[in-house]
Amino acid sequence: MDQQVLEQEVMSHFDVSREFLRQSQEYDPDRGVYVMNYLGGAASSKVVGATWNGDRLSISFEYYSPADDTTVIRSGSLQMSISGEEYQYLSCTSALVVELP
């Protein structure tokens, strides 16, 4: 994905700098793109759960194999703090479940 497109979109929703985003292992400075290898071209994803704990929202998600749209290849969790109309990104983690051939 083009660096300008991704950075503009992420920075419009999260309080992060362009420099911070470019520290990602998915960033390719030579080509000016973010390479999302683990998603593949046609992998689908879905929210599979959400829980509140005080002002914190935890969203669980899964990525599915593009081969069959049912095999879970990654799972993860997005953590956010919510206050009225405002939210703050806290963390996002994911782990490989099944490696594609």
N, C-alpha and C. Protein backbone atom coordinates (compact mmCIF):
# COMPACT_ATOMS: atom_id res chain seq x y z
N MET A 1 0.85 -1.17 0.00
CA MET A 1 0.00 0.00 0.00
C MET A 1 0.90 1.24 0.00
N ASP A 2 0.54 2.22 -0.80
CA ASP A 2 1.30 3.45 -0.88
C ASP A 2 1.45 4.11 0.49
N GLN A 3 2.68 4.55 0.82
CA GLN A 3 2.93 5.12 2.14
C GLN A 3 2.06 6.33 2.44
N GLN A 4 1.85 7.20 1.47
CA GLN A 4 1.05 8.41 1.70
C GLN A 4 -0.40 8.07 2.03
N VAL A 5 -0.96 7.11 1.31
CA VAL A 5 -2.35 6.71 1.53
C VAL A 5 -2.52 6.11 2.92
N LEU A 6 -1.67 5.13 3.26
CA LEU A 6 -1.77 4.47 4.56
C LEU A 6 -1.51 5.45 5.70
N GLU A 7 -0.45 6.24 5.59
CA GLU A 7 -0.10 7.17 6.68
C GLU A 7 -1.19 8.21 6.91
N GLN A 8 -1.73 8.76 5.83
CA GLN A 8 -2.79 9.77 5.97
C GLN A 8 -4.01 9.17 6.68
N GLU A 9 -4.40 7.97 6.29
CA GLU A 9 -5.57 7.34 6.89
C GLU A 9 -5.33 7.02 8.37
N VAL A 10 -4.21 6.40 8.68
CA VAL A 10 -3.91 6.05 10.07
C VAL A 10 -3.78 7.30 10.93
N MET A 11 -3.08 8.31 10.43
CA MET A 11 -2.85 9.53 11.21
C MET A 11 -4.15 10.34 11.41
N SER A 12 -5.14 10.13 10.55
CA SER A 12 -6.41 10.84 10.74
C SER A 12 -7.23 10.24 11.88
N HIS A 13 -6.88 9.01 12.30
CA HIS A 13 -7.63 8.33 13.35
C HIS A 13 -6.84 8.12 14.63
N PHE A 14 -5.50 8.12 14.53
CA PHE A 14 -4.65 7.82 15.67
C PHE A 14 -3.59 8.90 15.83
N ASP A 15 -3.23 9.17 17.07
CA ASP A 15 -2.22 10.19 17.38
C ASP A 15 -0.82 9.57 17.27
N VAL A 16 -0.39 9.33 16.03
CA VAL A 16 0.93 8.77 15.76
C VAL A 16 1.60 9.60 14.68
N SER A 17 2.92 9.58 14.67
CA SER A 17 3.66 10.34 13.67
C SER A 17 4.01 9.46 12.46
N ARG A 18 4.30 10.12 11.37
CA ARG A 18 4.76 9.44 10.17
C ARG A 18 6.04 8.66 10.48
N GLU A 19 6.93 9.25 11.26
CA GLU A 19 8.19 8.60 11.63
C GLU A 19 7.94 7.33 12.42
N PHE A 20 6.97 7.37 13.33
CA PHE A 20 6.62 6.18 14.11
C PHE A 20 6.12 5.08 13.19
N LEU A 21 5.21 5.41 12.27
CA LEU A 21 4.66 4.41 11.36
C LEU A 21 5.76 3.78 10.50
N ARG A 22 6.73 4.57 10.11
CA ARG A 22 7.78 4.06 9.22
C ARG A 22 8.79 3.17 9.95
N GLN A 23 8.63 3.00 11.23
CA GLN A 23 9.46 2.05 11.97
C GLN A 23 8.94 0.61 11.82
N SER A 24 7.77 0.48 11.23
CA SER A 24 7.14 -0.83 11.06
C SER A 24 8.00 -1.73 10.19
N GLN A 25 8.02 -3.01 10.53
CA GLN A 25 8.76 -3.97 9.70
C GLN A 25 8.10 -4.16 8.34
N GLU A 26 6.84 -3.73 8.20
CA GLU A 26 6.15 -3.82 6.92
C GLU A 26 6.47 -2.67 5.99
N TYR A 27 7.17 -1.65 6.48
CA TYR A 27 7.48 -0.47 5.66
C TYR A 27 8.71 -0.74 4.79
N ASP A 28 8.59 -0.47 3.50
CA ASP A 28 9.70 -0.61 2.55
C ASP A 28 10.07 0.79 2.06
N PRO A 29 11.11 1.41 2.66
CA PRO A 29 11.46 2.78 2.28
C PRO A 29 11.97 2.92 0.85
N ASP A 30 12.54 1.87 0.30
CA ASP A 30 13.04 1.93 -1.07
C ASP A 30 11.91 2.09 -2.09
N ARG A 31 10.78 1.47 -1.80
CA ARG A 31 9.63 1.55 -2.71
C ARG A 31 8.56 2.53 -2.23
N GLY A 32 8.67 3.02 -0.99
CA GLY A 32 7.68 3.94 -0.45
C GLY A 32 6.32 3.29 -0.24
N VAL A 33 6.35 2.03 0.24
CA VAL A 33 5.10 1.29 0.44
C VAL A 33 5.15 0.52 1.76
N TYR A 34 3.98 0.12 2.22
CA TYR A 34 3.85 -0.81 3.33
C TYR A 34 3.42 -2.14 2.73
N VAL A 35 4.17 -3.19 3.00
CA VAL A 35 3.89 -4.50 2.44
C VAL A 35 3.22 -5.34 3.51
N MET A 36 2.00 -5.73 3.27
CA MET A 36 1.21 -6.50 4.23
C MET A 36 1.20 -7.96 3.83
N ASN A 37 2.35 -8.61 3.89
CA ASN A 37 2.47 -9.99 3.41
C ASN A 37 1.51 -10.96 4.08
N TYR A 38 1.35 -10.87 5.39
CA TYR A 38 0.55 -11.87 6.08
C TYR A 38 -0.92 -11.79 5.74
N LEU A 39 -1.40 -10.67 5.23
CA LEU A 39 -2.79 -10.56 4.85
C LEU A 39 -3.08 -11.25 3.52
N GLY A 40 -2.08 -11.30 2.68
CA GLY A 40 -2.31 -11.83 1.35
C GLY A 40 -3.19 -10.88 0.56
N GLY A 41 -3.45 -11.21 -0.66
CA GLY A 41 -4.23 -10.32 -1.47
C GLY A 41 -5.72 -10.41 -1.20
N ALA A 42 -6.19 -11.57 -0.79
CA ALA A 42 -7.63 -11.75 -0.70
C ALA A 42 -8.09 -12.31 0.65
N ALA A 43 -7.24 -12.24 1.66
CA ALA A 43 -7.64 -12.74 2.97
C ALA A 43 -8.79 -11.89 3.51
N SER A 44 -9.72 -12.54 4.16
CA SER A 44 -10.83 -11.81 4.77
C SER A 44 -10.62 -11.80 6.29
N SER A 45 -11.30 -10.91 6.95
CA SER A 45 -11.19 -10.83 8.40
C SER A 45 -12.56 -10.59 9.00
N LYS A 46 -12.65 -10.84 10.31
CA LYS A 46 -13.93 -10.68 10.98
C LYS A 46 -13.70 -10.42 12.46
N VAL A 47 -14.51 -9.55 13.03
CA VAL A 47 -14.53 -9.36 14.48
C VAL A 47 -15.27 -10.55 15.07
N VAL A 48 -14.65 -11.22 16.05
CA VAL A 48 -15.27 -12.42 16.63
C VAL A 48 -15.67 -12.22 18.09
N GLY A 49 -15.36 -11.05 18.64
CA GLY A 49 -15.75 -10.79 20.01
C GLY A 49 -15.37 -9.39 20.44
N ALA A 50 -16.09 -8.89 21.43
CA ALA A 50 -15.78 -7.58 21.99
C ALA A 50 -16.21 -7.57 23.45
N THR A 51 -15.35 -7.01 24.29
CA THR A 51 -15.67 -6.93 25.72
C THR A 51 -15.29 -5.56 26.25
N TRP A 52 -16.07 -5.11 27.24
CA TRP A 52 -15.79 -3.86 27.94
C TRP A 52 -15.24 -4.20 29.31
N ASN A 53 -14.25 -3.42 29.74
CA ASN A 53 -13.72 -3.50 31.10
C ASN A 53 -13.49 -2.06 31.54
N GLY A 54 -14.49 -1.48 32.22
CA GLY A 54 -14.40 -0.06 32.57
C GLY A 54 -14.50 0.78 31.31
N ASP A 55 -13.47 1.59 31.05
CA ASP A 55 -13.46 2.43 29.85
C ASP A 55 -12.68 1.80 28.71
N ARG A 56 -12.30 0.52 28.87
CA ARG A 56 -11.49 -0.16 27.85
C ARG A 56 -12.32 -1.13 27.03
N LEU A 57 -12.13 -1.03 25.74
CA LEU A 57 -12.80 -1.92 24.80
C LEU A 57 -11.75 -2.84 24.19
N SER A 58 -12.01 -4.13 24.24
CA SER A 58 -11.13 -5.13 23.64
C SER A 58 -11.91 -5.82 22.51
N ILE A 59 -11.36 -5.75 21.30
CA ILE A 59 -11.99 -6.35 20.13
C ILE A 59 -11.12 -7.50 19.64
N SER A 60 -11.69 -8.70 19.59
CA SER A 60 -10.98 -9.87 19.08
C SER A 60 -11.30 -10.05 17.60
N PHE A 61 -10.30 -10.43 16.81
CA PHE A 61 -10.51 -10.59 15.38
C PHE A 61 -9.74 -11.79 14.85
N GLU A 62 -10.16 -12.24 13.66
CA GLU A 62 -9.49 -13.35 12.98
C GLU A 62 -9.31 -12.99 11.51
N TYR A 63 -8.21 -13.48 10.92
CA TYR A 63 -7.99 -13.42 9.48
C TYR A 63 -8.16 -14.83 8.95
N TYR A 64 -8.79 -14.92 7.78
CA TYR A 64 -9.08 -16.23 7.19
C TYR A 64 -8.28 -16.45 5.91
N SER A 65 -7.96 -17.70 5.65
CA SER A 65 -7.22 -18.08 4.46
C SER A 65 -7.98 -17.69 3.20
N PRO A 66 -7.28 -17.08 2.24
CA PRO A 66 -7.96 -16.76 0.98
C PRO A 66 -8.33 -18.02 0.19
N ALA A 67 -7.75 -19.15 0.56
CA ALA A 67 -8.04 -20.39 -0.15
C ALA A 67 -9.45 -20.90 0.12
N ASP A 68 -9.94 -20.71 1.37
CA ASP A 68 -11.26 -21.26 1.69
C ASP A 68 -12.14 -20.35 2.55
N ASP A 69 -11.62 -19.22 2.98
CA ASP A 69 -12.38 -18.27 3.82
C ASP A 69 -12.91 -18.86 5.12
N THR A 70 -12.39 -20.02 5.54
CA THR A 70 -12.81 -20.60 6.82
C THR A 70 -11.63 -20.93 7.73
N THR A 71 -10.46 -21.21 7.15
CA THR A 71 -9.29 -21.54 7.95
C THR A 71 -8.71 -20.26 8.56
N VAL A 72 -8.63 -20.23 9.88
CA VAL A 72 -8.09 -19.06 10.58
C VAL A 72 -6.57 -19.09 10.44
N ILE A 73 -6.01 -18.01 9.86
CA ILE A 73 -4.56 -17.95 9.69
C ILE A 73 -3.89 -17.02 10.69
N ARG A 74 -4.64 -16.05 11.23
CA ARG A 74 -4.14 -15.15 12.28
C ARG A 74 -5.29 -14.81 13.21
N SER A 75 -4.97 -14.59 14.47
CA SER A 75 -5.97 -14.08 15.40
C SER A 75 -5.32 -12.95 16.18
N GLY A 76 -6.14 -12.06 16.69
CA GLY A 76 -5.57 -10.93 17.41
C GLY A 76 -6.57 -10.19 18.26
N SER A 77 -6.05 -9.11 18.84
CA SER A 77 -6.86 -8.31 19.75
C SER A 77 -6.47 -6.84 19.61
N LEU A 78 -7.47 -5.98 19.52
CA LEU A 78 -7.30 -4.54 19.46
C LEU A 78 -7.80 -3.97 20.78
N GLN A 79 -6.99 -3.14 21.43
CA GLN A 79 -7.35 -2.54 22.71
C GLN A 79 -7.50 -1.03 22.54
N MET A 80 -8.63 -0.48 23.05
CA MET A 80 -8.87 0.95 22.98
C MET A 80 -9.46 1.45 24.29
N SER A 81 -9.18 2.70 24.58
CA SER A 81 -9.77 3.38 25.73
C SER A 81 -10.83 4.34 25.18
N ILE A 82 -12.04 4.30 25.74
CA ILE A 82 -13.15 5.11 25.25
C ILE A 82 -13.57 6.09 26.33
N SER A 83 -13.73 7.36 25.93
CA SER A 83 -14.21 8.39 26.85
C SER A 83 -15.16 9.29 26.09
N GLY A 84 -16.46 9.11 26.33
CA GLY A 84 -17.46 9.90 25.60
C GLY A 84 -17.38 9.64 24.12
N GLU A 85 -17.16 10.70 23.34
CA GLU A 85 -17.05 10.59 21.88
C GLU A 85 -15.61 10.33 21.43
N GLU A 86 -14.67 10.29 22.36
CA GLU A 86 -13.27 10.13 22.00
C GLU A 86 -12.78 8.73 22.32
N TYR A 87 -11.82 8.28 21.53
CA TYR A 87 -11.19 6.99 21.79
C TYR A 87 -9.69 7.13 21.61
N GLN A 88 -8.96 6.25 22.29
CA GLN A 88 -7.51 6.24 22.17
C GLN A 88 -7.06 4.81 21.90
N TYR A 89 -6.30 4.64 20.85
CA TYR A 89 -5.72 3.36 20.52
C TYR A 89 -4.70 3.00 21.59
N LEU A 90 -4.76 1.80 22.14
CA LEU A 90 -3.79 1.36 23.13
C LEU A 90 -2.83 0.33 22.56
N SER A 91 -3.36 -0.69 21.89
CA SER A 91 -2.48 -1.71 21.32
C SER A 91 -3.25 -2.59 20.35
N CYS A 92 -2.49 -3.26 19.51
CA CYS A 92 -3.05 -4.26 18.61
C CYS A 92 -2.01 -5.36 18.47
N THR A 93 -2.41 -6.57 18.81
CA THR A 93 -1.51 -7.71 18.69
C THR A 93 -2.18 -8.78 17.85
N SER A 94 -1.37 -9.52 17.12
CA SER A 94 -1.91 -10.67 16.39
C SER A 94 -0.83 -11.75 16.34
N ALA A 95 -1.30 -12.96 16.15
CA ALA A 95 -0.38 -14.10 16.13
C ALA A 95 -0.77 -15.04 14.99
N LEU A 96 0.23 -15.62 14.39
CA LEU A 96 0.01 -16.59 13.34
C LEU A 96 -0.63 -17.85 13.93
N VAL A 97 -1.70 -18.32 13.29
CA VAL A 97 -2.38 -19.54 13.72
C VAL A 97 -2.02 -20.68 12.79
N VAL A 98 -2.17 -20.43 11.48
CA VAL A 98 -1.84 -21.43 10.46
C VAL A 98 -1.03 -20.70 9.38
N GLU A 99 0.12 -21.24 9.05
CA GLU A 99 0.94 -20.64 7.99
C GLU A 99 0.49 -21.18 6.65
N LEU A 100 0.32 -20.27 5.70
CA LEU A 100 -0.07 -20.67 4.36
C LEU A 100 1.12 -21.28 3.62
N PRO A 101 0.87 -22.25 2.76
CA PRO A 101 1.97 -22.86 2.02
C PRO A 101 2.60 -21.89 1.03
